[in-house]
Amino acid sequence: MKIVIANDHAATDLKFEIKEYIESLGHEVINIGTDDNESCHYPEYGKKAADMVASGEVDLGVLICGTGVGISLAANKVKGIRCGVCSDTATARLIRQHNNANMIAFGARIVGSELAKDIVKSFLEAEFEGGGRHQIRIDMISAIENEQ
């Protein structure tokens, strides 16, 4: 798969570890986050990554900021994006299986590098279960989005 990774200044070091880890799993990674620790604004990185996912340029996205919350809020403003903050592997798996999430976010100040790798692996390996109640709910979310 082709994965975009984006981050702000709070997550630069972790981003490099996660990028390398995703590549070790056999995926192509496009890094669009900041590469230094100078203060920057996560909304621009979250939106740019979300645009790439929404357009189909990449398959999935991984977002990292201090908590994961801010960058996920920015990404979720892009039509077609379903991004959630995950701090454990169960949520990372279920967000794909039940919610068909196409992006994941987590906080560099919240999770350590080993847990972050486990979260990413769980997210990337999971697949949407499709159909039934899960699809109905995804359709309902899309309908809300289309009202805007």
C-alpha atoms as a PDB file:
ATOM      1  CA  MET A   1       0.000   0.000   0.000  1.00  0.00           C
ATOM      2  CA  LYS A   2       0.930   3.617  -0.367  1.00  0.00           C
ATOM      3  CA  ILE A   3       0.751   5.430   2.970  1.00  0.00           C
ATOM      4  CA  VAL A   4       1.068   9.151   3.660  1.00  0.00           C
ATOM      5  CA  ILE A   5       2.552  10.189   6.990  1.00  0.00           C
ATOM      6  CA  ALA A   6       2.252  13.702   8.376  1.00  0.00           C
ATOM      7  CA  ASN A   7       3.256  15.332  11.629  1.00  0.00           C
ATOM      8  CA  ASP A   8       3.905  18.560  13.435  1.00  0.00           C
ATOM      9  CA  HIS A   9       6.956  19.603  15.443  1.00  0.00           C
ATOM     10  CA  ALA A  10       5.902  17.602  18.506  1.00  0.00           C
ATOM     11  CA  ALA A  11       6.120  14.354  16.570  1.00  0.00           C
ATOM     12  CA  THR A  12       9.117  14.670  14.259  1.00  0.00           C
ATOM     13  CA  ASP A  13      11.289  12.085  15.984  1.00  0.00           C
ATOM     14  CA  LEU A  14       8.465   9.557  16.291  1.00  0.00           C
ATOM     15  CA  LYS A  15       7.447  10.185  12.673  1.00  0.00           C
ATOM     16  CA  PHE A  16      10.855   9.064  11.424  1.00  0.00           C
ATOM     17  CA  GLU A  17      10.640   5.867  13.495  1.00  0.00           C
ATOM     18  CA  ILE A  18       7.129   5.113  12.255  1.00  0.00           C
ATOM     19  CA  LYS A  19       8.020   5.887   8.638  1.00  0.00           C
ATOM     20  CA  GLU A  20      10.908   3.431   8.782  1.00  0.00           C
ATOM     21  CA  TYR A  21       8.702   0.838  10.481  1.00  0.00           C
ATOM     22  CA  ILE A  22       5.946   1.115   7.860  1.00  0.00           C
ATOM     23  CA  GLU A  23       8.544   0.730   5.117  1.00  0.00           C
ATOM     24  CA  SER A  24       9.864  -2.390   6.861  1.00  0.00           C
ATOM     25  CA  LEU A  25       6.361  -3.847   6.528  1.00  0.00           C
ATOM     26  CA  GLY A  26       6.677  -3.482   2.760  1.00  0.00           C
ATOM     27  CA  HIS A  27       4.637  -0.323   2.223  1.00  0.00           C
ATOM     28  CA  GLU A  28       5.589   2.809   0.341  1.00  0.00           C
ATOM     29  CA  VAL A  29       5.562   5.881   2.587  1.00  0.00           C
ATOM     30  CA  ILE A  30       5.183   9.477   1.489  1.00  0.00           C
ATOM     31  CA  ASN A  31       6.424  11.887   4.151  1.00  0.00           C
ATOM     32  CA  ILE A  32       4.729  15.272   4.030  1.00  0.00           C
ATOM     33  CA  GLY A  33       5.218  16.299   7.657  1.00  0.00           C
ATOM     34  CA  THR A  34       7.769  18.657   9.057  1.00  0.00           C
ATOM     35  CA  ASP A  35      11.251  17.221   9.373  1.00  0.00           C
ATOM     36  CA  ASP A  36      12.424  19.437  12.224  1.00  0.00           C
ATOM     37  CA  ASN A  37      11.338  20.477  15.696  1.00  0.00           C
ATOM     38  CA  GLU A  38      10.557  24.120  14.902  1.00  0.00           C
ATOM     39  CA  SER A  39       7.045  25.081  15.936  1.00  0.00           C
ATOM     40  CA  CYS A  40       4.579  24.698  13.083  1.00  0.00           C
ATOM     41  CA  HIS A  41       0.844  24.384  12.505  1.00  0.00           C
ATOM     42  CA  TYR A  42      -0.606  20.870  12.364  1.00  0.00           C
ATOM     43  CA  PRO A  43      -3.763  21.838  10.388  1.00  0.00           C
ATOM     44  CA  GLU A  44      -1.775  22.388   7.197  1.00  0.00           C
ATOM     45  CA  TYR A  45      -0.165  18.944   7.448  1.00  0.00           C
ATOM     46  CA  GLY A  46      -3.395  17.207   8.423  1.00  0.00           C
ATOM     47  CA  LYS A  47      -5.254  18.752   5.495  1.00  0.00           C
ATOM     48  CA  LYS A  48      -2.527  18.021   2.968  1.00  0.00           C
ATOM     49  CA  ALA A  49      -2.401  14.356   4.010  1.00  0.00           C
ATOM     50  CA  ALA A  50      -6.196  14.105   4.048  1.00  0.00           C
ATOM     51  CA  ASP A  51      -6.394  15.581   0.546  1.00  0.00           C
ATOM     52  CA  MET A  52      -4.011  12.879  -0.664  1.00  0.00           C
ATOM     53  CA  VAL A  53      -6.137  10.122   0.892  1.00  0.00           C
ATOM     54  CA  ALA A  54      -9.435  11.599  -0.304  1.00  0.00           C
ATOM     55  CA  SER A  55      -8.157  11.955  -3.872  1.00  0.00           C
ATOM     56  CA  GLY A  56      -6.908   8.358  -3.972  1.00  0.00           C
ATOM     57  CA  GLU A  57      -3.306   9.432  -4.443  1.00  0.00           C
ATOM     58  CA  VAL A  58      -2.497   7.243  -1.428  1.00  0.00           C
ATOM     59  CA  ASP A  59      -4.362   4.387   0.236  1.00  0.00           C
ATOM     60  CA  LEU A  60      -4.225   5.363   3.911  1.00  0.00           C
ATOM     61  CA  GLY A  61      -2.816   8.044   6.181  1.00  0.00           C
ATOM     62  CA  VAL A  62      -0.960   8.166   9.489  1.00  0.00           C
ATOM     63  CA  LEU A  63      -1.038  11.439  11.411  1.00  0.00           C
ATOM     64  CA  ILE A  64       0.984  12.332  14.494  1.00  0.00           C
ATOM     65  CA  CYS A  65       0.982  15.460  16.626  1.00  0.00           C
ATOM     66  CA  GLY A  66       1.309  16.010  20.361  1.00  0.00           C
ATOM     67  CA  THR A  67      -1.963  14.265  21.230  1.00  0.00           C
ATOM     68  CA  GLY A  68      -3.244  13.194  17.825  1.00  0.00           C
ATOM     69  CA  VAL A  69      -6.403  15.212  18.380  1.00  0.00           C
ATOM     70  CA  GLY A  70      -5.607  18.476  16.607  1.00  0.00           C
ATOM     71  CA  ILE A  71      -4.247  16.936  13.432  1.00  0.00           C
ATOM     72  CA  SER A  72      -7.182  14.498  13.268  1.00  0.00           C
ATOM     73  CA  LEU A  73      -9.667  17.364  13.612  1.00  0.00           C
ATOM     74  CA  ALA A  74      -8.061  19.089  10.633  1.00  0.00           C
ATOM     75  CA  ALA A  75      -8.062  15.896   8.550  1.00  0.00           C
ATOM     76  CA  ASN A  76     -11.711  15.179   9.301  1.00  0.00           C
ATOM     77  CA  LYS A  77     -12.720  18.494   7.713  1.00  0.00           C
ATOM     78  CA  VAL A  78     -11.829  17.006   4.309  1.00  0.00           C
ATOM     79  CA  LYS A  79     -14.775  15.310   2.626  1.00  0.00           C
ATOM     80  CA  GLY A  80     -14.451  11.540   2.597  1.00  0.00           C
ATOM     81  CA  ILE A  81     -11.995  11.319   5.465  1.00  0.00           C
ATOM     82  CA  ARG A  82     -12.655   9.127   8.474  1.00  0.00           C
ATOM     83  CA  CYS A  83      -9.829   9.619  10.946  1.00  0.00           C
ATOM     84  CA  GLY A  84      -9.778   8.682  14.599  1.00  0.00           C
ATOM     85  CA  VAL A  85      -7.321   9.057  17.422  1.00  0.00           C
ATOM     86  CA  CYS A  86      -6.032   5.720  18.675  1.00  0.00           C
ATOM     87  CA  SER A  87      -3.931   5.040  21.739  1.00  0.00           C
ATOM     88  CA  ASP A  88      -4.277   1.253  21.714  1.00  0.00           C
ATOM     89  CA  THR A  89      -4.207  -1.589  19.206  1.00  0.00           C
ATOM     90  CA  ALA A  90      -7.824  -2.667  19.678  1.00  0.00           C
ATOM     91  CA  THR A  91      -9.132   0.747  18.673  1.00  0.00           C
ATOM     92  CA  ALA A  92      -6.696   0.883  15.747  1.00  0.00           C
ATOM     93  CA  ARG A  93      -8.015  -2.440  14.454  1.00  0.00           C
ATOM     94  CA  LEU A  94     -11.684  -1.682  15.081  1.00  0.00           C
ATOM     95  CA  ILE A  95     -11.552   1.757  13.506  1.00  0.00           C
ATOM     96  CA  ARG A  96     -10.761   0.013  10.211  1.00  0.00           C
ATOM     97  CA  GLN A  97     -13.012  -3.022  10.666  1.00  0.00           C
ATOM     98  CA  HIS A  98     -16.127  -1.167  11.840  1.00  0.00           C
ATOM     99  CA  ASN A  99     -15.679   2.454  10.764  1.00  0.00           C
ATOM    100  CA  ASN A 100     -13.717   2.000   7.528  1.00  0.00           C
ATOM    101  CA  ALA A 101     -11.289   4.672   8.698  1.00  0.00           C
ATOM    102  CA  ASN A 102      -8.830   5.765   6.056  1.00  0.00           C
ATOM    103  CA  MET A 103      -6.567   7.677   8.422  1.00  0.00           C
ATOM    104  CA  ILE A 104      -5.329   7.166  11.950  1.00  0.00           C
ATOM    105  CA  ALA A 105      -3.884   9.664  14.385  1.00  0.00           C
ATOM    106  CA  PHE A 106      -2.020   9.323  17.643  1.00  0.00           C
ATOM    107  CA  GLY A 107      -0.033  11.497  19.987  1.00  0.00           C
ATOM    108  CA  ALA A 108       3.728  11.512  20.292  1.00  0.00           C
ATOM    109  CA  ARG A 109       3.266  12.791  23.840  1.00  0.00           C
ATOM    110  CA  ILE A 110       0.772  10.022  24.607  1.00  0.00           C
ATOM    111  CA  VAL A 111       2.166   6.774  23.189  1.00  0.00           C
ATOM    112  CA  GLY A 112       5.732   5.489  23.077  1.00  0.00           C
ATOM    113  CA  SER A 113       7.406   4.331  19.900  1.00  0.00           C
ATOM    114  CA  GLU A 114       6.800   0.597  20.418  1.00  0.00           C
ATOM    115  CA  LEU A 115       3.100   1.081  21.114  1.00  0.00           C
ATOM    116  CA  ALA A 116       2.887   3.459  18.151  1.00  0.00           C
ATOM    117  CA  LYS A 117       4.338   0.748  15.906  1.00  0.00           C
ATOM    118  CA  ASP A 118       1.823  -1.786  17.233  1.00  0.00           C
ATOM    119  CA  ILE A 119      -1.023   0.686  16.662  1.00  0.00           C
ATOM    120  CA  VAL A 120       0.068   1.336  13.082  1.00  0.00           C
ATOM    121  CA  LYS A 121       0.481  -2.370  12.355  1.00  0.00           C
ATOM    122  CA  SER A 122      -2.996  -3.140  13.729  1.00  0.00           C
ATOM    123  CA  PHE A 123      -4.486  -0.358  11.609  1.00  0.00           C
ATOM    124  CA  LEU A 124      -2.712  -1.353   8.399  1.00  0.00           C
ATOM    125  CA  GLU A 125      -3.479  -5.069   8.742  1.00  0.00           C
ATOM    126  CA  ALA A 126      -7.177  -4.632   9.505  1.00  0.00           C
ATOM    127  CA  GLU A 127      -9.798  -4.532   6.772  1.00  0.00           C
ATOM    128  CA  PHE A 128     -13.297  -3.093   6.685  1.00  0.00           C
ATOM    129  CA  GLU A 129     -15.818  -5.824   7.435  1.00  0.00           C
ATOM    130  CA  GLY A 130     -18.281  -4.151   5.058  1.00  0.00           C
ATOM    131  CA  GLY A 131     -21.983  -4.586   4.701  1.00  0.00           C
ATOM    132  CA  GLY A 132     -24.618  -4.780   7.388  1.00  0.00           C
ATOM    133  CA  ARG A 133     -24.739  -2.401  10.293  1.00  0.00           C
ATOM    134  CA  HIS A 134     -21.239  -1.065   9.682  1.00  0.00           C
ATOM    135  CA  GLN A 135     -22.025   0.036   6.127  1.00  0.00           C
ATOM    136  CA  ILE A 136     -25.319   1.579   7.237  1.00  0.00           C
ATOM    137  CA  ARG A 137     -23.427   3.668   9.778  1.00  0.00           C
ATOM    138  CA  ILE A 138     -20.762   4.713   7.277  1.00  0.00           C
ATOM    139  CA  ASP A 139     -23.533   5.765   4.888  1.00  0.00           C
ATOM    140  CA  MET A 140     -25.148   7.786   7.685  1.00  0.00           C
ATOM    141  CA  ILE A 141     -21.854   9.558   8.373  1.00  0.00           C
ATOM    142  CA  SER A 142     -21.464  10.298   4.655  1.00  0.00           C
ATOM    143  CA  ALA A 143     -25.004  11.710   4.547  1.00  0.00           C
ATOM    144  CA  ILE A 144     -24.171  14.096   7.396  1.00  0.00           C
ATOM    145  CA  GLU A 145     -21.019  15.120   5.571  1.00  0.00           C
ATOM    146  CA  ASN A 146     -22.973  15.771   2.363  1.00  0.00           C
ATOM    147  CA  GLU A 147     -25.393  18.084   4.200  1.00  0.00           C
ATOM    148  CA  GLN A 148     -22.589  20.551   4.857  1.00  0.00           C
END
